[in-house]
Amino acid sequence: MTDLAPYLDKLSAAAWTAFINDYEVYRARGGVKRVRSLVSPSALRTLQLRVKLTASPGAAAEGAAAAPKRKPDDVAAAESAEDDRFIGAVNGFFAPRSPMEALDRFRSVKMSTSEVSIDAVMAYIQDYDRTEQACSAMRPRSGEKKLVALSLPGYVPSA
């Protein structure tokens, strides 16, 4: 039995990040609902106005289903590719627009607890990894050394 699918009803960078994290867990546990079907109509309309989205939901699957020699695996692959394009487009919308904005995002990642524990460290690493993915197009020019230097202050537990 799969977990309850996440649902995005309010559109913000934080809400989108939480939704995508929950959606990945949902899919990994066998969930089959398409990503667009889990976005509220108002959020989807806003995204369609602000983000260059691909064809309407299901267009790739309908085209694949209409082809006489398509197998169910081909339809699933087309749907998965459409979901990936949608997620990529929305991720791009919320991505930083400059290297300075990317640096600010990296600097904002901090441990969320005042006690050092393996759970706190793992949560910090996951937050930093998500930030690195979100900022991939605007990574600092100095590369990995700069990213490591930016990550170290965040390991300090918050007061």
Protein backbone atom coordinates (compact mmCIF):
# COMPACT_ATOMS: atom_id res chain seq x y z
CA MET A 1 0.00 0.00 0.00
CA THR A 2 1.36 3.41 -0.93
CA ASP A 3 1.39 6.43 1.32
CA LEU A 4 -0.96 9.32 0.80
CA ALA A 5 0.23 11.46 -2.08
CA PRO A 6 1.45 14.98 -1.27
CA TYR A 7 -0.55 17.95 -2.54
CA LEU A 8 0.72 21.43 -3.40
CA ASP A 9 -1.97 23.99 -2.65
CA LYS A 10 0.14 27.13 -2.08
CA LEU A 11 2.91 28.21 -4.38
CA SER A 12 6.19 29.29 -2.81
CA ALA A 13 9.79 28.12 -3.02
CA ALA A 14 9.59 26.51 0.42
CA ALA A 15 6.26 24.82 -0.33
CA TRP A 16 7.56 23.56 -3.69
CA THR A 17 10.71 22.12 -2.10
CA ALA A 18 8.71 20.33 0.59
CA PHE A 19 6.23 19.05 -2.01
CA ILE A 20 8.96 17.66 -4.28
CA ASN A 21 10.71 15.97 -1.36
CA ASP A 22 7.42 14.34 -0.33
CA TYR A 23 6.60 13.46 -3.95
CA GLU A 24 9.94 11.65 -4.38
CA VAL A 25 9.23 9.59 -1.25
CA TYR A 26 5.70 8.89 -2.48
CA ARG A 27 6.98 7.66 -5.87
CA ALA A 28 9.73 5.59 -4.26
CA ARG A 29 7.07 3.81 -2.19
CA GLY A 30 5.08 2.89 -5.28
CA GLY A 31 2.87 5.94 -5.77
CA VAL A 32 1.62 6.33 -9.31
CA LYS A 33 -0.15 9.69 -9.43
CA ARG A 34 1.29 12.21 -11.86
CA VAL A 35 2.94 15.29 -10.42
CA ARG A 36 0.60 17.81 -12.10
CA SER A 37 -2.44 16.06 -10.72
CA LEU A 38 -1.12 16.80 -7.23
CA VAL A 39 -0.88 20.56 -7.77
CA SER A 40 -3.92 22.70 -6.98
CA PRO A 41 -5.66 24.27 -9.99
CA SER A 42 -4.84 27.80 -8.79
CA ALA A 43 -1.14 26.98 -8.30
CA LEU A 44 -1.05 25.25 -11.69
CA ARG A 45 -2.62 28.31 -13.40
CA THR A 46 -0.03 30.55 -11.74
CA LEU A 47 2.77 28.27 -12.90
CA GLN A 48 1.41 28.20 -16.44
CA LEU A 49 1.45 32.01 -16.50
CA ARG A 50 4.96 32.30 -15.04
CA VAL A 51 6.80 29.21 -16.28
CA LYS A 52 7.24 27.82 -19.76
CA LEU A 53 5.54 24.47 -19.30
CA THR A 54 5.39 21.68 -21.84
CA ALA A 55 2.20 20.19 -23.27
CA SER A 56 -0.89 19.79 -21.15
CA PRO A 57 -0.99 16.97 -18.60
CA GLY A 58 -1.29 13.61 -20.24
CA ALA A 59 -0.47 14.80 -23.75
CA ALA A 60 2.65 12.67 -23.93
CA ALA A 61 0.79 9.66 -22.57
CA GLU A 62 -2.15 10.20 -24.96
CA GLY A 63 0.23 10.43 -27.90
CA ALA A 64 2.03 7.32 -26.73
CA ALA A 65 -1.25 5.45 -26.18
CA ALA A 66 -2.53 6.44 -29.63
CA ALA A 67 0.51 4.93 -31.36
CA PRO A 68 -0.50 1.41 -32.40
CA LYS A 69 2.74 -0.37 -31.45
CA ARG A 70 3.42 1.36 -28.12
CA LYS A 71 3.87 -0.82 -25.07
CA PRO A 72 2.70 0.11 -21.57
CA ASP A 73 6.34 0.66 -20.63
CA ASP A 74 6.62 3.27 -23.41
CA VAL A 75 3.58 5.12 -22.04
CA ALA A 76 5.05 5.04 -18.52
CA ALA A 77 8.39 6.33 -19.85
CA ALA A 78 6.65 9.17 -21.70
CA GLU A 79 4.70 10.12 -18.57
CA SER A 80 7.84 10.00 -16.43
CA ALA A 81 9.70 12.22 -18.91
CA GLU A 82 6.79 14.69 -18.91
CA ASP A 83 6.82 14.76 -15.09
CA ASP A 84 10.59 15.34 -15.11
CA ARG A 85 10.21 18.27 -17.55
CA PHE A 86 7.48 19.79 -15.40
CA ILE A 87 9.55 19.46 -12.22
CA GLY A 88 12.61 20.87 -13.99
CA ALA A 89 10.67 23.88 -15.26
CA VAL A 90 9.29 24.71 -11.82
CA ASN A 91 12.68 24.13 -10.19
CA GLY A 92 14.12 26.58 -12.71
CA PHE A 93 11.47 29.14 -11.79
CA PHE A 94 12.49 29.00 -8.13
CA ALA A 95 16.25 28.80 -8.84
CA PRO A 96 18.49 31.73 -7.91
CA ARG A 97 18.92 34.33 -10.65
CA SER A 98 22.50 35.32 -9.82
CA PRO A 99 25.62 33.87 -8.20
CA MET A 100 25.11 36.25 -5.26
CA GLU A 101 21.60 34.93 -4.67
CA ALA A 102 23.00 31.38 -4.81
CA LEU A 103 25.67 32.28 -2.25
CA ASP A 104 22.99 33.76 0.02
CA ARG A 105 21.02 30.52 -0.20
CA PHE A 106 24.07 28.46 0.71
CA ARG A 107 24.84 30.75 3.63
CA SER A 108 21.27 30.42 4.92
CA VAL A 109 21.53 26.65 5.39
CA LYS A 110 22.07 26.02 9.11
CA MET A 111 21.62 23.21 11.59
CA SER A 112 18.12 23.49 12.97
CA THR A 113 18.88 22.33 16.48
CA SER A 114 21.08 23.42 19.35
CA GLU A 115 22.28 19.86 20.02
CA VAL A 116 24.64 17.89 17.84
CA SER A 117 23.15 14.55 16.89
CA ILE A 118 23.37 12.26 13.91
CA ASP A 119 19.81 13.27 12.97
CA ALA A 120 20.72 16.97 13.00
CA VAL A 121 23.83 16.35 10.90
CA MET A 122 21.91 14.24 8.38
CA ALA A 123 19.15 16.86 8.10
CA TYR A 124 21.77 19.54 7.55
CA ILE A 125 23.48 17.51 4.82
CA GLN A 126 20.15 16.90 3.09
CA ASP A 127 19.25 20.61 3.24
CA TYR A 128 22.64 21.53 1.85
CA ASP A 129 22.31 18.94 -0.92
CA ARG A 130 18.85 20.29 -1.87
CA THR A 131 20.30 23.81 -1.96
CA GLU A 132 23.15 22.64 -4.17
CA GLN A 133 20.67 21.07 -6.58
CA ALA A 134 18.50 24.19 -6.63
CA CYS A 135 21.53 26.40 -7.26
CA SER A 136 23.28 24.16 -9.81
CA ALA A 137 23.01 26.71 -12.63
CA MET A 138 24.44 29.51 -10.46
CA ARG A 139 27.15 27.70 -8.52
CA PRO A 140 30.05 29.83 -7.34
CA ARG A 141 32.82 30.07 -9.94
CA SER A 142 35.40 28.97 -7.41
CA GLY A 143 33.76 25.54 -7.46
CA GLU A 144 33.91 22.81 -4.85
CA LYS A 145 36.35 24.58 -2.49
CA LYS A 146 33.92 27.49 -2.12
CA LEU A 147 30.99 25.13 -1.52
CA VAL A 148 32.91 23.32 1.22
CA ALA A 149 33.90 26.63 2.80
CA LEU A 150 30.25 27.73 2.72
CA SER A 151 29.06 24.49 4.29
CA LEU A 152 31.33 24.50 7.34
CA PRO A 153 29.74 27.39 9.29
CA GLY A 154 26.34 25.73 8.99
CA TYR A 155 27.52 22.70 10.96
CA VAL A 156 27.54 24.78 14.11
CA PRO A 157 24.36 24.07 16.08
CA SER A 158 22.04 27.04 16.45
CA ALA A 159 21.82 28.66 19.85
